[in-house]
């Protein structure tokens, strides 16, 4: 979050993260500040707040899903 302190108009930026840095909490915090943010989140970092559906586990590698948390 410290890296975003000097942005003047957060709503004009979208930040992208790989799965090493992304987490639900980070994406929520950035959204609350007005930033757009996208990231791949590892299953062990979702704290079962957004559990993977069994149907998603059975699909081939490379597929994705989108969750838009309420702010």
PDB file of N, CA and C in Angstrom:
ATOM      1  N   UNK A   1       0.820  -1.184   0.000  1.00  0.00           N
ATOM      2  CA  UNK A   1       0.000   0.000   0.000  1.00  0.00           C
ATOM      3  C   UNK A   1       0.873   1.260   0.000  1.00  0.00           C
ATOM      4  N   UNK A   2       2.047   1.173   0.605  1.00  0.00           N
ATOM      5  CA  UNK A   2       2.937   2.339   0.619  1.00  0.00           C
ATOM      6  C   UNK A   2       3.303   2.778  -0.785  1.00  0.00           C
ATOM      7  N   UNK A   3       3.385   1.854  -1.710  1.00  0.00           N
ATOM      8  CA  UNK A   3       3.762   2.207  -3.081  1.00  0.00           C
ATOM      9  C   UNK A   3       2.695   3.027  -3.790  1.00  0.00           C
ATOM     10  N   UNK A   4       1.490   3.063  -3.270  1.00  0.00           N
ATOM     11  CA  UNK A   4       0.407   3.811  -3.907  1.00  0.00           C
ATOM     12  C   UNK A   4       0.172   5.181  -3.276  1.00  0.00           C
ATOM     13  N   UNK A   5       0.903   5.536  -2.266  1.00  0.00           N
ATOM     14  CA  UNK A   5       0.662   6.784  -1.532  1.00  0.00           C
ATOM     15  C   UNK A   5       0.796   8.036  -2.382  1.00  0.00           C
ATOM     16  N   UNK A   6       1.634   8.035  -3.401  1.00  0.00           N
ATOM     17  CA  UNK A   6       1.889   9.244  -4.190  1.00  0.00           C
ATOM     18  C   UNK A   6       1.027   9.357  -5.442  1.00  0.00           C
ATOM     19  N   UNK A   7       0.106   8.444  -5.653  1.00  0.00           N
ATOM     20  CA  UNK A   7      -0.793   8.532  -6.799  1.00  0.00           C
ATOM     21  C   UNK A   7      -1.828   9.613  -6.515  1.00  0.00           C
ATOM     22  N   UNK A   8      -1.999  10.533  -7.467  1.00  0.00           N
ATOM     23  CA  UNK A   8      -2.896  11.659  -7.258  1.00  0.00           C
ATOM     24  C   UNK A   8      -4.358  11.278  -7.468  1.00  0.00           C
ATOM     25  N   UNK A   9      -4.664  10.548  -8.523  1.00  0.00           N
ATOM     26  CA  UNK A   9      -6.054  10.188  -8.822  1.00  0.00           C
ATOM     27  C   UNK A   9      -6.141   8.666  -8.964  1.00  0.00           C
ATOM     28  N   UNK A  10      -6.366   7.944  -7.863  1.00  0.00           N
ATOM     29  CA  UNK A  10      -6.352   6.482  -7.893  1.00  0.00           C
ATOM     30  C   UNK A  10      -7.307   5.860  -8.914  1.00  0.00           C
ATOM     31  N   UNK A  11      -8.437   6.487  -9.165  1.00  0.00           N
ATOM     32  CA  UNK A  11      -9.420   5.887 -10.072  1.00  0.00           C
ATOM     33  C   UNK A  11      -8.929   5.820 -11.519  1.00  0.00           C
ATOM     34  N   UNK A  12      -7.842   6.509 -11.835  1.00  0.00           N
ATOM     35  CA  UNK A  12      -7.314   6.454 -13.203  1.00  0.00           C
ATOM     36  C   UNK A  12      -6.248   5.369 -13.373  1.00  0.00           C
ATOM     37  N   UNK A  13      -6.044   4.544 -12.349  1.00  0.00           N
ATOM     38  CA  UNK A  13      -5.036   3.485 -12.393  1.00  0.00           C
ATOM     39  C   UNK A  13      -5.662   2.110 -12.153  1.00  0.00           C
ATOM     40  N   UNK A  14      -5.125   1.121 -12.841  1.00  0.00           N
ATOM     41  CA  UNK A  14      -5.438  -0.278 -12.569  1.00  0.00           C
ATOM     42  C   UNK A  14      -4.122  -0.979 -12.297  1.00  0.00           C
ATOM     43  N   UNK A  15      -4.030  -1.651 -11.173  1.00  0.00           N
ATOM     44  CA  UNK A  15      -2.810  -2.346 -10.777  1.00  0.00           C
ATOM     45  C   UNK A  15      -2.986  -3.838 -11.013  1.00  0.00           C
ATOM     46  N   UNK A  16      -1.923  -4.490 -11.470  1.00  0.00           N
ATOM     47  CA  UNK A  16      -1.947  -5.923 -11.772  1.00  0.00           C
ATOM     48  C   UNK A  16      -0.890  -6.627 -10.933  1.00  0.00           C
ATOM     49  N   UNK A  17      -1.247  -7.803 -10.400  1.00  0.00           N
ATOM     50  CA  UNK A  17      -0.345  -8.557  -9.533  1.00  0.00           C
ATOM     51  C   UNK A  17      -0.246 -10.003  -9.982  1.00  0.00           C
ATOM     52  N   UNK A  18       0.922 -10.585  -9.752  1.00  0.00           N
ATOM     53  CA  UNK A  18       1.030 -12.034  -9.960  1.00  0.00           C
ATOM     54  C   UNK A  18       0.633 -12.722  -8.658  1.00  0.00           C
ATOM     55  N   UNK A  19       0.655 -14.031  -8.648  1.00  0.00           N
ATOM     56  CA  UNK A  19       0.147 -14.765  -7.490  1.00  0.00           C
ATOM     57  C   UNK A  19       1.069 -14.714  -6.273  1.00  0.00           C
ATOM     58  N   UNK A  20       2.253 -14.145  -6.402  1.00  0.00           N
ATOM     59  CA  UNK A  20       3.136 -14.024  -5.245  1.00  0.00           C
ATOM     60  C   UNK A  20       2.682 -12.884  -4.337  1.00  0.00           C
ATOM     61  N   UNK A  21       2.171 -11.792  -4.924  1.00  0.00           N
ATOM     62  CA  UNK A  21       1.804 -10.610  -4.150  1.00  0.00           C
ATOM     63  C   UNK A  21       0.311 -10.473  -3.877  1.00  0.00           C
ATOM     64  N   UNK A  22      -0.532 -11.021  -4.711  1.00  0.00           N
ATOM     65  CA  UNK A  22      -1.973 -10.782  -4.617  1.00  0.00           C
ATOM     66  C   UNK A  22      -2.618 -11.512  -3.445  1.00  0.00           C
ATOM     67  N   UNK A  23      -3.588 -10.847  -2.844  1.00  0.00           N
ATOM     68  CA  UNK A  23      -4.425 -11.456  -1.812  1.00  0.00           C
ATOM     69  C   UNK A  23      -5.773 -10.751  -1.835  1.00  0.00           C
ATOM     70  N   UNK A  24      -6.796 -11.391  -1.296  1.00  0.00           N
ATOM     71  CA  UNK A  24      -8.124 -10.787  -1.237  1.00  0.00           C
ATOM     72  C   UNK A  24      -8.065  -9.484  -0.439  1.00  0.00           C
ATOM     73  N   UNK A  25      -7.355  -9.493   0.676  1.00  0.00           N
ATOM     74  CA  UNK A  25      -7.266  -8.291   1.513  1.00  0.00           C
ATOM     75  C   UNK A  25      -6.615  -7.131   0.769  1.00  0.00           C
ATOM     76  N   UNK A  26      -5.554  -7.392   0.017  1.00  0.00           N
ATOM     77  CA  UNK A  26      -4.893  -6.343  -0.749  1.00  0.00           C
ATOM     78  C   UNK A  26      -5.832  -5.776  -1.806  1.00  0.00           C
ATOM     79  N   UNK A  27      -6.509  -6.643  -2.546  1.00  0.00           N
ATOM     80  CA  UNK A  27      -7.410  -6.170  -3.588  1.00  0.00           C
ATOM     81  C   UNK A  27      -8.569  -5.368  -3.005  1.00  0.00           C
ATOM     82  N   UNK A  28      -9.083  -5.783  -1.852  1.00  0.00           N
ATOM     83  CA  UNK A  28     -10.149  -5.026  -1.187  1.00  0.00           C
ATOM     84  C   UNK A  28      -9.642  -3.660  -0.753  1.00  0.00           C
ATOM     85  N   UNK A  29      -8.468  -3.609  -0.145  1.00  0.00           N
ATOM     86  CA  UNK A  29      -7.902  -2.334   0.316  1.00  0.00           C
ATOM     87  C   UNK A  29      -7.678  -1.377  -0.840  1.00  0.00           C
ATOM     88  N   UNK A  30      -7.158  -1.878  -1.938  1.00  0.00           N
ATOM     89  CA  UNK A  30      -6.938  -1.023  -3.103  1.00  0.00           C
ATOM     90  C   UNK A  30      -8.268  -0.524  -3.666  1.00  0.00           C
ATOM     91  N   UNK A  31      -9.275  -1.375  -3.689  1.00  0.00           N
ATOM     92  CA  UNK A  31     -10.594  -0.962  -4.154  1.00  0.00           C
ATOM     93  C   UNK A  31     -11.189   0.130  -3.287  1.00  0.00           C
ATOM     94  N   UNK A  32     -11.001   0.019  -1.978  1.00  0.00           N
ATOM     95  CA  UNK A  32     -11.493   1.042  -1.057  1.00  0.00           C
ATOM     96  C   UNK A  32     -10.802   2.375  -1.279  1.00  0.00           C
ATOM     97  N   UNK A  33      -9.553   2.345  -1.726  1.00  0.00           N
ATOM     98  CA  UNK A  33      -8.808   3.569  -2.027  1.00  0.00           C
ATOM     99  C   UNK A  33      -9.158   4.135  -3.399  1.00  0.00           C
ATOM    100  N   UNK A  34      -9.902   3.369  -4.200  1.00  0.00           N
ATOM    101  CA  UNK A  34     -10.317   3.844  -5.513  1.00  0.00           C
ATOM    102  C   UNK A  34      -9.554   3.263  -6.681  1.00  0.00           C
ATOM    103  N   UNK A  35      -8.579   2.412  -6.418  1.00  0.00           N
ATOM    104  CA  UNK A  35      -7.802   1.788  -7.485  1.00  0.00           C
ATOM    105  C   UNK A  35      -8.566   0.627  -8.104  1.00  0.00           C
ATOM    106  N   UNK A  36      -8.333   0.382  -9.376  1.00  0.00           N
ATOM    107  CA  UNK A  36      -8.723  -0.871  -9.982  1.00  0.00           C
ATOM    108  C   UNK A  36      -7.575  -1.839  -9.740  1.00  0.00           C
ATOM    109  N   UNK A  37      -7.851  -3.093  -9.512  1.00  0.00           N
ATOM    110  CA  UNK A  37      -6.783  -4.056  -9.252  1.00  0.00           C
ATOM    111  C   UNK A  37      -7.198  -5.439  -9.728  1.00  0.00           C
ATOM    112  N   UNK A  38      -6.231  -6.147 -10.300  1.00  0.00           N
ATOM    113  CA  UNK A  38      -6.447  -7.499 -10.798  1.00  0.00           C
ATOM    114  C   UNK A  38      -5.267  -8.353 -10.381  1.00  0.00           C
ATOM    115  N   UNK A  39      -5.539  -9.586  -9.960  1.00  0.00           N
ATOM    116  CA  UNK A  39      -4.444 -10.463  -9.589  1.00  0.00           C
ATOM    117  C   UNK A  39      -4.866 -11.908  -9.557  1.00  0.00           C
ATOM    118  N   UNK A  40      -3.891 -12.771  -9.733  1.00  0.00           N
ATOM    119  CA  UNK A  40      -4.095 -14.205  -9.590  1.00  0.00           C
ATOM    120  C   UNK A  40      -3.832 -14.539  -8.128  1.00  0.00           C
ATOM    121  N   UNK A  41      -4.782 -15.221  -7.506  1.00  0.00           N
ATOM    122  CA  UNK A  41      -4.650 -15.505  -6.083  1.00  0.00           C
ATOM    123  C   UNK A  41      -4.508 -17.005  -5.864  1.00  0.00           C
ATOM    124  N   UNK A  42      -3.503 -17.367  -5.096  1.00  0.00           N
ATOM    125  CA  UNK A  42      -3.289 -18.773  -4.778  1.00  0.00           C
ATOM    126  C   UNK A  42      -4.398 -19.276  -3.869  1.00  0.00           C
ATOM    127  N   UNK A  43      -4.747 -20.535  -4.034  1.00  0.00           N
ATOM    128  CA  UNK A  43      -5.837 -21.114  -3.253  1.00  0.00           C
ATOM    129  C   UNK A  43      -5.578 -21.022  -1.752  1.00  0.00           C
ATOM    130  N   UNK A  44      -4.313 -21.153  -1.338  1.00  0.00           N
ATOM    131  CA  UNK A  44      -4.020 -21.121   0.098  1.00  0.00           C
ATOM    132  C   UNK A  44      -4.072 -19.708   0.690  1.00  0.00           C
ATOM    133  N   UNK A  45      -4.387 -18.685  -0.121  1.00  0.00           N
ATOM    134  CA  UNK A  45      -4.483 -17.314   0.385  1.00  0.00           C
ATOM    135  C   UNK A  45      -5.901 -16.772   0.375  1.00  0.00           C
ATOM    136  N   UNK A  46      -6.879 -17.614   0.130  1.00  0.00           N
ATOM    137  CA  UNK A  46      -8.243 -17.098   0.072  1.00  0.00           C
ATOM    138  C   UNK A  46      -9.006 -17.314   1.374  1.00  0.00           C
ATOM    139  N   UNK A  47      -8.421 -18.013   2.330  1.00  0.00           N
ATOM    140  CA  UNK A  47      -9.023 -18.217   3.652  1.00  0.00           C
ATOM    141  C   UNK A  47     -10.451 -18.737   3.576  1.00  0.00           C
ATOM    142  N   UNK A  48     -10.744 -19.489   2.554  1.00  0.00           N
ATOM    143  CA  UNK A  48     -12.059 -20.095   2.358  1.00  0.00           C
ATOM    144  C   UNK A  48     -13.196 -19.080   2.317  1.00  0.00           C
ATOM    145  N   UNK A  49     -12.845 -17.798   2.148  1.00  0.00           N
ATOM    146  CA  UNK A  49     -13.865 -16.773   1.983  1.00  0.00           C
ATOM    147  C   UNK A  49     -14.550 -16.940   0.622  1.00  0.00           C
ATOM    148  N   UNK A  50     -13.783 -17.338  -0.359  1.00  0.00           N
ATOM    149  CA  UNK A  50     -14.279 -17.607  -1.698  1.00  0.00           C
ATOM    150  C   UNK A  50     -13.824 -19.004  -2.100  1.00  0.00           C
ATOM    151  N   UNK A  51     -14.458 -20.038  -1.581  1.00  0.00           N
ATOM    152  CA  UNK A  51     -13.982 -21.398  -1.867  1.00  0.00           C
ATOM    153  C   UNK A  51     -14.106 -21.753  -3.343  1.00  0.00           C
ATOM    154  N   UNK A  52     -13.138 -22.505  -3.828  1.00  0.00           N
ATOM    155  CA  UNK A  52     -13.201 -22.985  -5.200  1.00  0.00           C
ATOM    156  C   UNK A  52     -14.298 -24.022  -5.322  1.00  0.00           C
ATOM    157  N   UNK A  53     -15.079 -23.887  -6.331  1.00  0.00           N
ATOM    158  CA  UNK A  53     -16.125 -24.879  -6.559  1.00  0.00           C
ATOM    159  C   UNK A  53     -15.478 -26.152  -7.097  1.00  0.00           C
ATOM    160  N   UNK A  54     -16.081 -27.277  -6.777  1.00  0.00           N
ATOM    161  CA  UNK A  54     -15.557 -28.557  -7.247  1.00  0.00           C
ATOM    162  C   UNK A  54     -15.493 -28.591  -8.768  1.00  0.00           C
ATOM    163  N   UNK A  55     -16.446 -27.956  -9.427  1.00  0.00           N
ATOM    164  CA  UNK A  55     -16.442 -27.935 -10.897  1.00  0.00           C
ATOM    165  C   UNK A  55     -15.214 -27.211 -11.440  1.00  0.00           C
ATOM    166  N   UNK A  56     -14.713 -26.200 -10.725  1.00  0.00           N
ATOM    167  CA  UNK A  56     -13.528 -25.460 -11.161  1.00  0.00           C
ATOM    168  C   UNK A  56     -12.276 -26.330 -11.015  1.00  0.00           C
ATOM    169  N   UNK A  57     -12.219 -27.151  -9.989  1.00  0.00           N
ATOM    170  CA  UNK A  57     -11.061 -28.020  -9.773  1.00  0.00           C
ATOM    171  C   UNK A  57     -10.893 -29.045 -10.891  1.00  0.00           C
ATOM    172  N   UNK A  58     -11.990 -29.449 -11.508  1.00  0.00           N
ATOM    173  CA  UNK A  58     -11.936 -30.500 -12.509  1.00  0.00           C
ATOM    174  C   UNK A  58     -11.588 -29.978 -13.904  1.00  0.00           C
ATOM    175  N   UNK A  59     -11.556 -28.674 -14.097  1.00  0.00           N
ATOM    176  CA  UNK A  59     -11.290 -28.114 -15.415  1.00  0.00           C
ATOM    177  C   UNK A  59      -9.797 -28.108 -15.708  1.00  0.00           C
ATOM    178  N   UNK A  60      -9.477 -27.995 -16.984  1.00  0.00           N
ATOM    179  CA  UNK A  60      -8.076 -28.025 -17.390  1.00  0.00           C
ATOM    180  C   UNK A  60      -7.329 -26.781 -16.920  1.00  0.00           C
ATOM    181  N   UNK A  61      -6.047 -26.888 -16.828  1.00  0.00           N
ATOM    182  CA  UNK A  61      -5.191 -25.801 -16.393  1.00  0.00           C
ATOM    183  C   UNK A  61      -5.310 -24.623 -17.349  1.00  0.00           C
ATOM    184  N   UNK A  62      -5.248 -23.410 -16.799  1.00  0.00           N
ATOM    185  CA  UNK A  62      -5.297 -22.217 -17.626  1.00  0.00           C
ATOM    186  C   UNK A  62      -6.646 -21.534 -17.640  1.00  0.00           C
ATOM    187  N   UNK A  63      -7.675 -22.174 -17.117  1.00  0.00           N
ATOM    188  CA  UNK A  63      -8.983 -21.546 -17.059  1.00  0.00           C
ATOM    189  C   UNK A  63      -9.036 -20.609 -15.863  1.00  0.00           C
ATOM    190  N   UNK A  64      -9.964 -19.668 -15.877  1.00  0.00           N
ATOM    191  CA  UNK A  64     -10.037 -18.701 -14.783  1.00  0.00           C
ATOM    192  C   UNK A  64     -11.471 -18.457 -14.380  1.00  0.00           C
ATOM    193  N   UNK A  65     -11.615 -17.756 -13.273  1.00  0.00           N
ATOM    194  CA  UNK A  65     -12.905 -17.359 -12.763  1.00  0.00           C
ATOM    195  C   UNK A  65     -12.743 -15.954 -12.182  1.00  0.00           C
ATOM    196  N   UNK A  66     -13.814 -15.239 -12.065  1.00  0.00           N
ATOM    197  CA  UNK A  66     -13.759 -13.867 -11.576  1.00  0.00           C
ATOM    198  C   UNK A  66     -14.700 -13.716 -10.391  1.00  0.00           C
ATOM    199  N   UNK A  67     -14.221 -13.074  -9.348  1.00  0.00           N
ATOM    200  CA  UNK A  67     -15.036 -12.774  -8.177  1.00  0.00           C
ATOM    201  C   UNK A  67     -14.916 -11.285  -7.922  1.00  0.00           C
ATOM    202  N   UNK A  68     -16.042 -10.615  -7.846  1.00  0.00           N
ATOM    203  CA  UNK A  68     -16.057  -9.193  -7.554  1.00  0.00           C
ATOM    204  C   UNK A  68     -16.561  -9.002  -6.130  1.00  0.00           C
ATOM    205  N   UNK A  69     -15.636  -8.737  -5.187  1.00  0.00           N
ATOM    206  CA  UNK A  69     -16.058  -8.595  -3.789  1.00  0.00           C
ATOM    207  C   UNK A  69     -16.863  -7.318  -3.592  1.00  0.00           C
ATOM    208  N   UNK A  70     -17.794  -7.356  -2.668  1.00  0.00           N
ATOM    209  CA  UNK A  70     -18.559  -6.164  -2.326  1.00  0.00           C
ATOM    210  C   UNK A  70     -17.678  -5.259  -1.483  1.00  0.00           C
ATOM    211  N   UNK A  71     -17.707  -3.993  -1.792  1.00  0.00           N
ATOM    212  CA  UNK A  71     -16.912  -3.020  -1.031  1.00  0.00           C
ATOM    213  C   UNK A  71     -17.771  -2.269  -0.054  1.00  0.00           C
TER     214      UNK A  71
END
